[in-house]
Amino acid sequence: MATEVRNNNKLTFPIAYGATKADSDLVGAWWSEDREGYIQPAEFLLGRGGTVLGAMYASGPVGRMGADEAIRLITRRENMRKEEDAKAN
């Protein structure tokens, strides 16, 4: 699934599955050494052109971005863009 998302969107960075300690260091995510090491969430909501609209970092099992939060942010930004377009015309 992660490979399909990356390929379909022409992303050039590792996502989700297969993150390594080096990957976590690149994005500033926290790496846990217990249970043989794993990355804590470092989530990014990207807009058109790759602009980071929002990011969520966690140092434990709490702090994951909810789908409802992402949808709310996207909807708000889209509405703002429509309002700006309407004012410009």
N, C-alpha and C. Protein backbone atom coordinates (compact mmCIF):
# COMPACT_ATOMS: atom_id res chain seq x y z
N MET A 1 0.81 -1.19 0.00
CA MET A 1 0.00 0.00 0.00
C MET A 1 0.86 1.26 0.00
N ALA A 2 1.88 1.32 0.85
CA ALA A 2 2.73 2.51 0.90
C ALA A 2 3.44 2.73 -0.44
N THR A 3 3.90 1.67 -1.06
CA THR A 3 4.58 1.79 -2.35
C THR A 3 3.61 2.32 -3.41
N GLU A 4 2.38 1.86 -3.38
CA GLU A 4 1.38 2.32 -4.33
C GLU A 4 1.10 3.81 -4.15
N VAL A 5 0.95 4.26 -2.91
CA VAL A 5 0.72 5.68 -2.63
C VAL A 5 1.90 6.50 -3.12
N ARG A 6 3.12 6.04 -2.81
CA ARG A 6 4.33 6.76 -3.23
C ARG A 6 4.40 6.86 -4.74
N ASN A 7 4.20 5.76 -5.43
CA ASN A 7 4.30 5.74 -6.89
C ASN A 7 3.20 6.54 -7.56
N ASN A 8 1.97 6.40 -7.09
CA ASN A 8 0.84 7.12 -7.69
C ASN A 8 0.96 8.63 -7.53
N ASN A 9 1.65 9.07 -6.49
CA ASN A 9 1.78 10.50 -6.22
C ASN A 9 3.18 11.04 -6.52
N LYS A 10 4.02 10.18 -7.11
CA LYS A 10 5.37 10.56 -7.51
C LYS A 10 6.17 11.15 -6.34
N LEU A 11 5.96 10.57 -5.15
CA LEU A 11 6.70 11.02 -3.97
C LEU A 11 8.13 10.49 -4.05
N THR A 12 9.06 11.23 -3.51
CA THR A 12 10.47 10.84 -3.61
C THR A 12 11.08 10.54 -2.24
N PHE A 13 10.23 10.34 -1.23
CA PHE A 13 10.74 10.04 0.10
C PHE A 13 10.03 8.81 0.65
N PRO A 14 10.66 8.10 1.58
CA PRO A 14 10.03 6.91 2.15
C PRO A 14 8.79 7.30 2.96
N ILE A 15 7.75 6.50 2.87
CA ILE A 15 6.55 6.75 3.65
C ILE A 15 6.14 5.47 4.38
N ALA A 16 5.61 5.65 5.57
CA ALA A 16 4.99 4.59 6.37
C ALA A 16 5.84 3.33 6.48
N TYR A 17 5.55 2.34 5.72
CA TYR A 17 6.16 1.02 5.88
C TYR A 17 7.66 1.05 5.56
N GLY A 18 8.45 0.49 6.44
CA GLY A 18 9.88 0.34 6.17
C GLY A 18 10.74 1.48 6.65
N ALA A 19 10.21 2.38 7.48
CA ALA A 19 11.01 3.50 7.98
C ALA A 19 12.15 2.98 8.85
N THR A 20 13.31 3.57 8.67
CA THR A 20 14.50 3.18 9.43
C THR A 20 14.87 4.28 10.42
N LYS A 21 15.84 4.01 11.26
CA LYS A 21 16.35 5.01 12.21
C LYS A 21 16.85 6.23 11.43
N ALA A 22 17.54 6.01 10.34
CA ALA A 22 18.04 7.11 9.51
C ALA A 22 16.88 7.95 8.97
N ASP A 23 15.78 7.29 8.56
CA ASP A 23 14.60 8.01 8.09
C ASP A 23 14.02 8.88 9.20
N SER A 24 13.95 8.33 10.40
CA SER A 24 13.38 9.10 11.51
C SER A 24 14.25 10.31 11.82
N ASP A 25 15.55 10.16 11.71
CA ASP A 25 16.46 11.29 11.96
C ASP A 25 16.26 12.40 10.92
N LEU A 26 15.99 12.02 9.67
CA LEU A 26 15.80 13.01 8.61
C LEU A 26 14.59 13.89 8.82
N VAL A 27 13.50 13.33 9.37
CA VAL A 27 12.29 14.10 9.57
C VAL A 27 12.09 14.57 11.00
N GLY A 28 13.03 14.23 11.87
CA GLY A 28 12.95 14.66 13.26
C GLY A 28 12.02 13.82 14.11
N ALA A 29 11.68 12.63 13.65
CA ALA A 29 10.79 11.75 14.42
C ALA A 29 11.57 11.08 15.55
N TRP A 30 10.85 10.71 16.57
CA TRP A 30 11.46 10.05 17.72
C TRP A 30 11.54 8.56 17.47
N TRP A 31 12.69 7.96 17.72
CA TRP A 31 12.92 6.54 17.51
C TRP A 31 13.00 5.85 18.85
N SER A 32 12.18 4.84 19.07
CA SER A 32 12.17 4.10 20.32
C SER A 32 13.12 2.92 20.22
N GLU A 33 13.91 2.71 21.24
CA GLU A 33 14.86 1.59 21.24
C GLU A 33 14.26 0.33 21.85
N ASP A 34 13.10 0.45 22.52
CA ASP A 34 12.50 -0.75 23.08
C ASP A 34 11.81 -1.55 21.98
N ARG A 35 11.49 -2.77 22.22
CA ARG A 35 10.87 -3.68 21.25
C ARG A 35 11.61 -3.68 19.92
N GLU A 36 12.91 -3.70 19.96
CA GLU A 36 13.78 -3.79 18.77
C GLU A 36 13.75 -2.52 17.92
N GLY A 37 13.29 -1.43 18.45
CA GLY A 37 13.33 -0.16 17.75
C GLY A 37 12.19 0.04 16.77
N TYR A 38 11.57 1.20 16.86
CA TYR A 38 10.50 1.55 15.92
C TYR A 38 10.35 3.07 15.92
N ILE A 39 9.79 3.57 14.86
CA ILE A 39 9.60 5.01 14.72
C ILE A 39 8.25 5.41 15.32
N GLN A 40 8.25 6.51 16.04
CA GLN A 40 6.98 7.07 16.50
C GLN A 40 6.43 7.95 15.38
N PRO A 41 5.15 8.25 15.42
CA PRO A 41 4.53 8.98 14.31
C PRO A 41 5.21 10.31 13.98
N ALA A 42 5.40 10.53 12.73
CA ALA A 42 5.83 11.81 12.17
C ALA A 42 5.00 11.95 10.90
N GLU A 43 3.86 12.62 11.04
CA GLU A 43 2.90 12.68 9.94
C GLU A 43 2.90 14.07 9.33
N PHE A 44 2.72 14.11 8.02
CA PHE A 44 2.69 15.37 7.30
C PHE A 44 1.48 15.40 6.39
N LEU A 45 0.77 16.50 6.40
CA LEU A 45 -0.34 16.71 5.48
C LEU A 45 0.16 17.67 4.43
N LEU A 46 0.26 17.18 3.18
CA LEU A 46 0.84 17.96 2.10
C LEU A 46 -0.25 18.55 1.21
N GLY A 47 -0.05 19.79 0.83
CA GLY A 47 -0.97 20.46 -0.08
C GLY A 47 -0.47 20.39 -1.50
N ARG A 48 -1.14 21.12 -2.34
CA ARG A 48 -0.72 21.19 -3.75
C ARG A 48 0.71 21.67 -3.83
N GLY A 49 1.49 21.08 -4.69
CA GLY A 49 2.87 21.50 -4.87
C GLY A 49 3.80 21.05 -3.76
N GLY A 50 3.31 20.20 -2.84
CA GLY A 50 4.17 19.67 -1.80
C GLY A 50 4.32 20.55 -0.58
N THR A 51 3.52 21.62 -0.47
CA THR A 51 3.58 22.48 0.70
C THR A 51 3.09 21.72 1.93
N VAL A 52 3.82 21.80 3.03
CA VAL A 52 3.40 21.15 4.26
C VAL A 52 2.31 22.01 4.91
N LEU A 53 1.10 21.47 4.99
CA LEU A 53 -0.03 22.17 5.59
C LEU A 53 -0.10 21.93 7.09
N GLY A 54 0.37 20.78 7.50
CA GLY A 54 0.34 20.42 8.90
C GLY A 54 1.27 19.26 9.17
N ALA A 55 1.73 19.17 10.39
CA ALA A 55 2.60 18.06 10.78
C ALA A 55 2.30 17.67 12.21
N MET A 56 2.52 16.40 12.52
CA MET A 56 2.28 15.89 13.86
C MET A 56 3.46 14.99 14.22
N TYR A 57 4.08 15.29 15.33
CA TYR A 57 5.17 14.47 15.83
C TYR A 57 4.76 13.90 17.18
N ALA A 58 5.19 12.71 17.51
CA ALA A 58 4.88 12.12 18.80
C ALA A 58 6.11 11.43 19.38
N SER A 59 6.16 11.37 20.69
CA SER A 59 7.24 10.65 21.36
C SER A 59 6.67 9.47 22.13
N GLY A 60 5.51 9.05 21.76
CA GLY A 60 4.84 7.92 22.39
C GLY A 60 3.62 7.53 21.58
N PRO A 61 2.80 6.64 22.13
CA PRO A 61 1.67 6.12 21.37
C PRO A 61 0.50 7.09 21.21
N VAL A 62 0.62 8.30 21.72
CA VAL A 62 -0.43 9.30 21.59
C VAL A 62 0.04 10.36 20.62
N GLY A 63 -0.86 11.00 19.90
CA GLY A 63 -0.47 12.11 19.05
C GLY A 63 -0.58 11.85 17.57
N ARG A 64 -1.36 10.88 17.20
CA ARG A 64 -1.55 10.61 15.78
C ARG A 64 -2.63 11.52 15.21
N MET A 65 -2.41 11.97 13.98
CA MET A 65 -3.37 12.84 13.30
C MET A 65 -4.60 12.03 12.93
N GLY A 66 -5.76 12.49 13.34
CA GLY A 66 -6.99 11.79 13.01
C GLY A 66 -7.47 12.19 11.63
N ALA A 67 -8.13 11.27 10.95
CA ALA A 67 -8.65 11.56 9.61
C ALA A 67 -9.63 12.72 9.66
N ASP A 68 -10.44 12.80 10.72
CA ASP A 68 -11.40 13.89 10.82
C ASP A 68 -10.70 15.24 10.93
N GLU A 69 -9.57 15.28 11.62
CA GLU A 69 -8.79 16.52 11.73
C GLU A 69 -8.22 16.92 10.37
N ALA A 70 -7.69 15.95 9.65
CA ALA A 70 -7.12 16.23 8.33
C ALA A 70 -8.20 16.73 7.38
N ILE A 71 -9.37 16.10 7.40
CA ILE A 71 -10.47 16.52 6.54
C ILE A 71 -10.92 17.93 6.89
N ARG A 72 -11.00 18.23 8.19
CA ARG A 72 -11.39 19.57 8.63
C ARG A 72 -10.41 20.62 8.13
N LEU A 73 -9.11 20.33 8.24
CA LEU A 73 -8.08 21.27 7.78
C LEU A 73 -8.16 21.46 6.27
N ILE A 74 -8.29 20.38 5.52
CA ILE A 74 -8.36 20.46 4.06
C ILE A 74 -9.60 21.24 3.64
N THR A 75 -10.75 20.93 4.25
CA THR A 75 -12.00 21.63 3.92
C THR A 75 -11.87 23.12 4.20
N ARG A 76 -11.29 23.47 5.33
CA ARG A 76 -11.12 24.88 5.68
C ARG A 76 -10.24 25.59 4.66
N ARG A 77 -9.14 24.97 4.29
CA ARG A 77 -8.22 25.58 3.32
C ARG A 77 -8.88 25.72 1.96
N GLU A 78 -9.64 24.72 1.55
CA GLU A 78 -10.32 24.78 0.26
C GLU A 78 -11.37 25.89 0.26
N ASN A 79 -12.10 26.03 1.35
CA ASN A 79 -13.10 27.10 1.45
C ASN A 79 -12.44 28.47 1.41
N MET A 80 -11.30 28.61 2.09
CA MET A 80 -10.57 29.88 2.07
C MET A 80 -10.09 30.19 0.65
N ARG A 81 -9.61 29.17 -0.05
CA ARG A 81 -9.14 29.37 -1.42
C ARG A 81 -10.29 29.81 -2.33
N LYS A 82 -11.46 29.20 -2.17
CA LYS A 82 -12.63 29.56 -2.97
C LYS A 82 -13.04 31.00 -2.69
N GLU A 83 -13.01 31.40 -1.41
CA GLU A 83 -13.36 32.78 -1.05
C GLU A 83 -12.38 33.77 -1.67
N GLU A 84 -11.09 33.44 -1.65
CA GLU A 84 -10.08 34.31 -2.24
C GLU A 84 -10.28 34.41 -3.75
N ASP A 85 -10.59 33.28 -4.39
CA ASP A 85 -10.83 33.28 -5.83
C ASP A 85 -12.05 34.14 -6.18
N ALA A 86 -13.10 34.03 -5.35
CA ALA A 86 -14.33 34.80 -5.60
C ALA A 86 -14.06 36.30 -5.45
N LYS A 87 -13.25 36.68 -4.49
CA LYS A 87 -12.92 38.09 -4.27
C LYS A 87 -12.09 38.62 -5.43
N ALA A 88 -11.23 37.79 -5.99
CA ALA A 88 -10.35 38.21 -7.08
C ALA A 88 -11.12 38.38 -8.38
N ASN A 89 -12.23 37.70 -8.52
CA ASN A 89 -13.01 37.77 -9.77
C ASN A 89 -14.07 38.77 -9.59
